[in-house]
N, C-alpha and C. Protein backbone atom coordinates (compact mmCIF):
# COMPACT_ATOMS: atom_id res chain seq x y z
N MET A 1 -2.87 -20.86 8.65
CA MET A 1 -2.16 -20.92 10.12
C MET A 1 -1.23 -19.73 10.57
N THR A 2 -1.25 -19.09 11.66
CA THR A 2 -0.28 -18.13 11.80
C THR A 2 0.62 -18.89 13.01
N THR A 3 1.81 -18.28 13.33
CA THR A 3 2.76 -18.69 14.36
C THR A 3 3.16 -17.35 15.16
N SER A 4 3.60 -17.80 16.32
CA SER A 4 4.37 -16.63 16.88
C SER A 4 5.54 -17.21 17.79
N LYS A 5 6.44 -16.55 17.97
CA LYS A 5 7.48 -17.09 18.52
C LYS A 5 8.14 -16.22 19.31
N ILE A 6 8.58 -16.93 20.51
CA ILE A 6 8.96 -16.16 21.84
C ILE A 6 10.54 -16.92 22.12
N GLU A 7 11.26 -15.93 22.10
CA GLU A 7 12.85 -16.44 22.24
C GLU A 7 13.56 -15.84 23.62
N LEU A 8 14.23 -16.67 24.20
CA LEU A 8 15.00 -16.70 25.38
C LEU A 8 16.52 -16.83 24.90
N PHE A 9 17.10 -15.69 25.55
CA PHE A 9 18.71 -15.43 25.22
C PHE A 9 19.52 -15.71 26.36
N VAL A 10 20.43 -16.54 26.38
CA VAL A 10 21.32 -16.65 27.55
C VAL A 10 22.64 -16.41 27.53
N GLU A 11 23.28 -15.48 28.07
CA GLU A 11 24.74 -15.34 27.90
C GLU A 11 25.28 -15.99 29.43
N LEU A 12 26.36 -16.83 29.12
CA LEU A 12 27.01 -17.30 30.01
C LEU A 12 28.45 -17.01 30.21
N ASP A 13 28.96 -17.21 31.35
CA ASP A 13 30.39 -16.76 31.95
C ASP A 13 31.15 -18.16 31.61
N GLU A 14 32.38 -18.01 31.73
CA GLU A 14 33.30 -19.09 31.48
C GLU A 14 32.97 -20.26 32.11
N ASN A 15 32.17 -20.26 33.35
CA ASN A 15 31.59 -21.58 33.96
C ASN A 15 30.39 -22.03 33.49
N ARG A 16 29.79 -21.56 32.85
CA ARG A 16 28.53 -21.63 31.88
C ARG A 16 27.14 -21.24 33.18
N VAL A 17 27.69 -20.12 34.05
CA VAL A 17 26.59 -19.45 34.95
C VAL A 17 26.04 -18.23 34.04
N PRO A 18 24.82 -18.19 34.15
CA PRO A 18 23.95 -17.02 33.19
C PRO A 18 24.60 -15.68 33.69
N GLU A 19 25.08 -14.67 32.92
CA GLU A 19 25.62 -13.56 33.11
C GLU A 19 24.30 -12.25 32.90
N LYS A 20 23.78 -12.78 31.67
CA LYS A 20 22.70 -11.91 31.08
C LYS A 20 21.67 -12.62 30.47
N LEU A 21 20.47 -12.16 30.79
CA LEU A 21 19.32 -12.80 30.07
C LEU A 21 18.40 -11.92 29.58
N ARG A 22 17.76 -12.36 28.02
CA ARG A 22 17.07 -11.36 27.35
C ARG A 22 16.03 -12.25 26.86
N TRP A 23 14.85 -11.62 26.27
CA TRP A 23 13.91 -12.10 25.79
C TRP A 23 13.44 -11.29 24.79
N SER A 24 12.56 -12.15 23.86
CA SER A 24 12.00 -11.31 22.63
C SER A 24 10.69 -11.99 22.23
N ALA A 25 9.47 -11.36 22.08
CA ALA A 25 8.20 -11.80 21.82
C ALA A 25 7.80 -10.96 20.67
N GLU A 26 8.06 -10.81 19.55
CA GLU A 26 7.64 -9.84 18.43
C GLU A 26 6.15 -9.41 18.43
N ASP A 27 5.49 -10.43 18.82
CA ASP A 27 4.10 -9.99 18.57
C ASP A 27 3.54 -9.23 19.81
N GLY A 28 4.26 -9.44 20.85
CA GLY A 28 3.95 -8.73 21.92
C GLY A 28 4.81 -7.27 22.16
N GLY A 29 5.62 -6.91 21.11
CA GLY A 29 6.60 -5.42 21.09
C GLY A 29 7.76 -5.94 22.20
N VAL A 30 8.22 -6.78 22.03
CA VAL A 30 9.34 -7.30 23.30
C VAL A 30 10.34 -7.46 22.36
N ASN A 31 11.65 -6.89 22.24
CA ASN A 31 12.61 -7.21 21.25
C ASN A 31 13.90 -7.21 22.33
N GLY A 32 14.52 -8.18 22.49
CA GLY A 32 15.72 -8.20 23.34
C GLY A 32 15.92 -7.58 24.68
N VAL A 33 14.40 -7.82 25.44
CA VAL A 33 14.40 -6.94 26.82
C VAL A 33 15.21 -7.80 27.56
N GLU A 34 16.20 -7.11 28.69
CA GLU A 34 16.89 -7.78 29.70
C GLU A 34 16.01 -8.34 30.88
N ALA A 35 16.37 -9.48 31.32
CA ALA A 35 15.69 -9.88 32.54
C ALA A 35 16.63 -10.42 33.41
N LYS A 36 16.37 -10.53 34.75
CA LYS A 36 17.10 -11.27 35.71
C LYS A 36 16.98 -12.31 36.00
N ALA A 37 15.85 -13.06 35.66
CA ALA A 37 15.15 -14.32 35.77
C ALA A 37 14.20 -14.77 35.00
N PHE A 38 14.43 -16.13 34.54
CA PHE A 38 13.14 -17.00 33.80
C PHE A 38 12.71 -18.00 34.54
N LEU A 39 11.41 -18.31 34.74
CA LEU A 39 10.79 -19.50 34.97
C LEU A 39 9.84 -20.04 34.17
N LEU A 40 10.42 -21.14 33.40
CA LEU A 40 9.41 -21.45 32.13
C LEU A 40 8.92 -23.25 32.37
N SER A 41 7.50 -23.28 32.62
CA SER A 41 7.18 -24.48 32.59
C SER A 41 6.46 -25.10 31.37
N VAL A 42 6.83 -26.45 31.02
CA VAL A 42 6.17 -26.69 29.77
C VAL A 42 5.56 -28.25 29.88
N TRP A 43 4.31 -28.29 29.72
CA TRP A 43 3.54 -29.67 29.99
C TRP A 43 3.87 -30.92 28.71
N ASP A 44 4.50 -31.68 29.16
CA ASP A 44 4.54 -33.04 28.06
C ASP A 44 3.54 -33.97 28.41
N HIS A 45 2.35 -33.97 27.59
CA HIS A 45 1.27 -34.42 27.46
C HIS A 45 1.43 -36.02 27.44
N GLU A 46 2.52 -36.31 26.74
CA GLU A 46 2.79 -37.87 26.51
C GLU A 46 3.51 -38.49 28.00
N ALA A 47 4.27 -37.95 28.37
CA ALA A 47 4.97 -38.43 29.55
C ALA A 47 4.07 -38.01 30.89
N GLN A 48 3.24 -37.03 30.69
CA GLN A 48 2.30 -36.55 31.89
C GLN A 48 3.40 -35.82 32.83
N ASN A 49 3.96 -35.07 32.25
CA ASN A 49 5.19 -34.36 33.14
C ASN A 49 5.35 -33.07 32.93
N ALA A 50 5.63 -32.15 33.78
CA ALA A 50 6.00 -30.69 33.60
C ALA A 50 7.63 -30.76 33.59
N LEU A 51 7.93 -30.12 32.43
CA LEU A 51 9.53 -29.83 32.17
C LEU A 51 9.55 -28.52 32.82
N ARG A 52 10.89 -28.11 32.90
CA ARG A 52 11.26 -26.33 33.62
C ARG A 52 12.53 -26.25 33.17
N ILE A 53 12.68 -24.87 32.86
CA ILE A 53 13.83 -24.14 32.78
C ILE A 53 13.58 -22.94 33.84
N ASP A 54 14.54 -23.22 34.70
CA ASP A 54 14.80 -21.96 35.88
C ASP A 54 16.19 -21.33 35.88
N LEU A 55 16.08 -20.29 35.32
CA LEU A 55 17.50 -19.60 35.05
C LEU A 55 17.50 -18.11 36.07
N TRP A 56 18.68 -17.89 36.52
CA TRP A 56 18.74 -16.54 37.05
C TRP A 56 20.46 -16.05 36.87
N THR A 57 20.28 -14.91 36.70
CA THR A 57 21.96 -14.36 36.83
C THR A 57 22.47 -14.19 37.79
N LYS A 58 23.71 -14.31 38.15
CA LYS A 58 24.34 -14.34 39.17
C LYS A 58 24.58 -13.23 40.14
N ASP A 59 24.03 -11.85 39.45
CA ASP A 59 23.93 -10.94 40.30
C ASP A 59 22.47 -10.36 40.62
N MET A 60 21.53 -11.23 40.39
CA MET A 60 20.33 -11.15 40.85
C MET A 60 20.12 -11.09 42.18
N PRO A 61 19.55 -9.77 43.04
CA PRO A 61 19.74 -9.75 44.38
C PRO A 61 18.72 -10.82 44.96
N VAL A 62 19.13 -11.23 46.17
CA VAL A 62 18.07 -12.33 46.75
C VAL A 62 16.75 -11.65 47.06
N ASP A 63 16.67 -10.44 47.51
CA ASP A 63 15.41 -9.88 47.81
C ASP A 63 14.18 -9.63 46.48
N GLN A 64 15.22 -9.47 45.64
CA GLN A 64 14.09 -9.29 44.11
C GLN A 64 13.93 -10.78 43.85
N MET A 65 14.72 -11.85 43.91
CA MET A 65 14.28 -13.24 43.72
C MET A 65 13.17 -13.59 44.83
N LYS A 66 13.18 -13.17 45.90
CA LYS A 66 11.92 -13.44 46.70
C LYS A 66 10.62 -12.87 46.22
N MET A 67 10.86 -11.71 45.92
CA MET A 67 9.70 -11.05 45.29
C MET A 67 9.25 -11.50 44.00
N PHE A 68 10.19 -11.96 43.15
CA PHE A 68 10.01 -12.69 41.77
C PHE A 68 8.91 -13.80 42.25
N PHE A 69 9.53 -14.74 43.01
CA PHE A 69 8.72 -15.64 43.58
C PHE A 69 7.45 -15.49 44.18
N TYR A 70 7.34 -14.77 45.07
CA TYR A 70 5.91 -14.27 45.38
C TYR A 70 4.91 -13.72 44.33
N GLN A 71 5.41 -12.73 43.33
CA GLN A 71 4.61 -12.64 42.30
C GLN A 71 4.35 -13.60 41.16
N THR A 72 5.48 -14.59 41.19
CA THR A 72 4.99 -15.66 40.24
C THR A 72 3.98 -16.49 40.88
N LEU A 73 4.15 -16.66 42.32
CA LEU A 73 3.08 -17.81 42.92
C LEU A 73 1.66 -16.96 42.70
N MET A 74 1.59 -15.90 42.89
CA MET A 74 0.22 -15.11 42.66
C MET A 74 -0.26 -15.20 41.29
N ALA A 75 0.72 -15.14 40.46
CA ALA A 75 0.00 -15.03 39.45
C ALA A 75 -0.19 -16.64 38.49
N MET A 76 0.36 -17.41 39.21
CA MET A 76 0.01 -18.72 39.12
C MET A 76 -1.47 -19.21 39.71
N SER A 77 -1.73 -18.60 40.80
CA SER A 77 -3.06 -18.85 41.25
C SER A 77 -4.12 -18.30 40.50
N ASP A 78 -3.75 -16.90 39.79
CA ASP A 78 -4.82 -16.60 38.85
C ASP A 78 -4.70 -17.42 37.72
N THR A 79 -4.03 -17.83 37.03
CA THR A 79 -3.89 -18.72 35.88
C THR A 79 -4.54 -20.14 36.30
N TYR A 80 -4.52 -20.66 37.46
CA TYR A 80 -5.03 -22.12 37.71
C TYR A 80 -6.53 -21.52 37.82
N LEU A 81 -7.11 -20.62 38.17
CA LEU A 81 -8.34 -20.11 38.40
C LEU A 81 -8.90 -20.02 36.90
N ARG A 82 -8.31 -19.27 35.86
CA ARG A 82 -8.77 -19.15 34.61
C ARG A 82 -8.68 -20.36 33.92
N ALA A 83 -7.89 -21.54 34.33
CA ALA A 83 -7.64 -22.75 33.60
C ALA A 83 -8.69 -23.73 34.02
N THR A 84 -9.37 -23.64 35.18
CA THR A 84 -9.68 -24.89 36.06
C THR A 84 -11.13 -24.51 36.49
N GLN A 85 -11.43 -23.02 36.82
CA GLN A 85 -12.63 -22.31 37.33
C GLN A 85 -12.58 -22.68 38.94
N ASP A 86 -11.92 -23.42 39.37
CA ASP A 86 -11.86 -23.99 41.15
C ASP A 86 -11.51 -22.72 41.77
N GLU A 87 -12.26 -22.02 42.09
CA GLU A 87 -12.22 -20.60 43.00
C GLU A 87 -11.73 -21.04 44.13
N LYS A 88 -12.23 -22.31 44.97
CA LYS A 88 -11.79 -22.84 46.28
C LYS A 88 -10.34 -22.87 46.43
N MET A 89 -9.52 -23.26 45.54
CA MET A 89 -8.36 -23.81 45.54
C MET A 89 -7.71 -22.48 45.19
N SER A 90 -7.93 -21.92 44.20
CA SER A 90 -7.22 -20.50 43.62
C SER A 90 -7.29 -19.70 44.94
N ASP A 91 -8.28 -19.61 45.96
CA ASP A 91 -8.04 -18.90 47.19
C ASP A 91 -7.29 -19.36 48.10
N THR A 92 -7.17 -20.55 48.04
CA THR A 92 -6.35 -21.38 48.85
C THR A 92 -4.47 -21.05 48.56
N MET A 93 -4.63 -20.91 47.44
CA MET A 93 -3.18 -20.84 46.98
C MET A 93 -2.71 -19.45 47.30
N LYS A 94 -3.95 -18.33 46.89
CA LYS A 94 -3.66 -17.05 47.39
C LYS A 94 -3.39 -16.71 48.79
N ASP A 95 -4.28 -17.55 49.84
CA ASP A 95 -4.00 -17.62 51.20
C ASP A 95 -2.26 -18.06 51.62
N PHE A 96 -2.14 -19.04 50.72
CA PHE A 96 -0.43 -19.35 50.82
C PHE A 96 0.35 -18.38 50.50
N CYS A 97 0.27 -17.72 49.29
CA CYS A 97 0.99 -16.71 48.84
C CYS A 97 1.06 -15.56 49.96
N GLU A 98 -0.11 -15.24 50.44
CA GLU A 98 0.16 -14.15 51.79
C GLU A 98 0.93 -14.51 52.86
N TYR A 99 0.69 -16.04 53.06
CA TYR A 99 1.67 -16.43 54.32
C TYR A 99 3.07 -16.19 53.79
N PHE A 100 3.45 -16.81 52.54
CA PHE A 100 4.57 -16.71 52.03
C PHE A 100 5.40 -15.34 52.22
N TYR A 101 4.42 -14.18 51.71
CA TYR A 101 4.75 -12.93 51.82
C TYR A 101 5.22 -12.51 53.19
N GLU A 102 4.44 -12.47 54.20
CA GLU A 102 4.75 -12.65 55.60
C GLU A 102 5.98 -13.12 55.98
N LYS A 103 5.99 -14.31 55.95
CA LYS A 103 7.06 -14.88 56.21
C LYS A 103 8.40 -14.29 55.88
N LEU A 104 8.32 -13.93 54.50
CA LEU A 104 9.59 -13.46 54.00
C LEU A 104 9.96 -12.05 54.44
N GLU A 105 8.72 -11.51 55.04
CA GLU A 105 8.75 -9.83 55.41
C GLU A 105 9.18 -9.00 54.14
N LEU A 106 8.58 -9.21 53.26
CA LEU A 106 8.50 -8.46 52.03
C LEU A 106 7.63 -7.14 52.09
N LYS A 107 8.41 -6.08 51.36
CA LYS A 107 7.38 -4.91 51.25
C LYS A 107 7.01 -4.72 49.90
N LYS A 108 5.78 -4.71 49.84
CA LYS A 108 5.17 -4.32 48.26
C LYS A 108 5.59 -2.86 47.78
């Protein structure tokens, strides 16, 4: 059996607010790359509950956070389709994403 490791590094200020975020995934050729936000969900099958880590640096601009959420929601609709083959709901999720995009007045 082989294993693969993904690491998240969080540098905190004196108030324990994230100042710097970095991540590494050796198998993907990523080593200590800086990020401004992480959204990580893990499924606890025993508790039937999603666990989350949501972090962003204090200097991440709000407009970038909005775009980050839009792109993440779009990616989740693709992942949902791959995981469930439920095209109808995936399309519905994408419709919401487009609505979200319009309401935030984002520019691609």
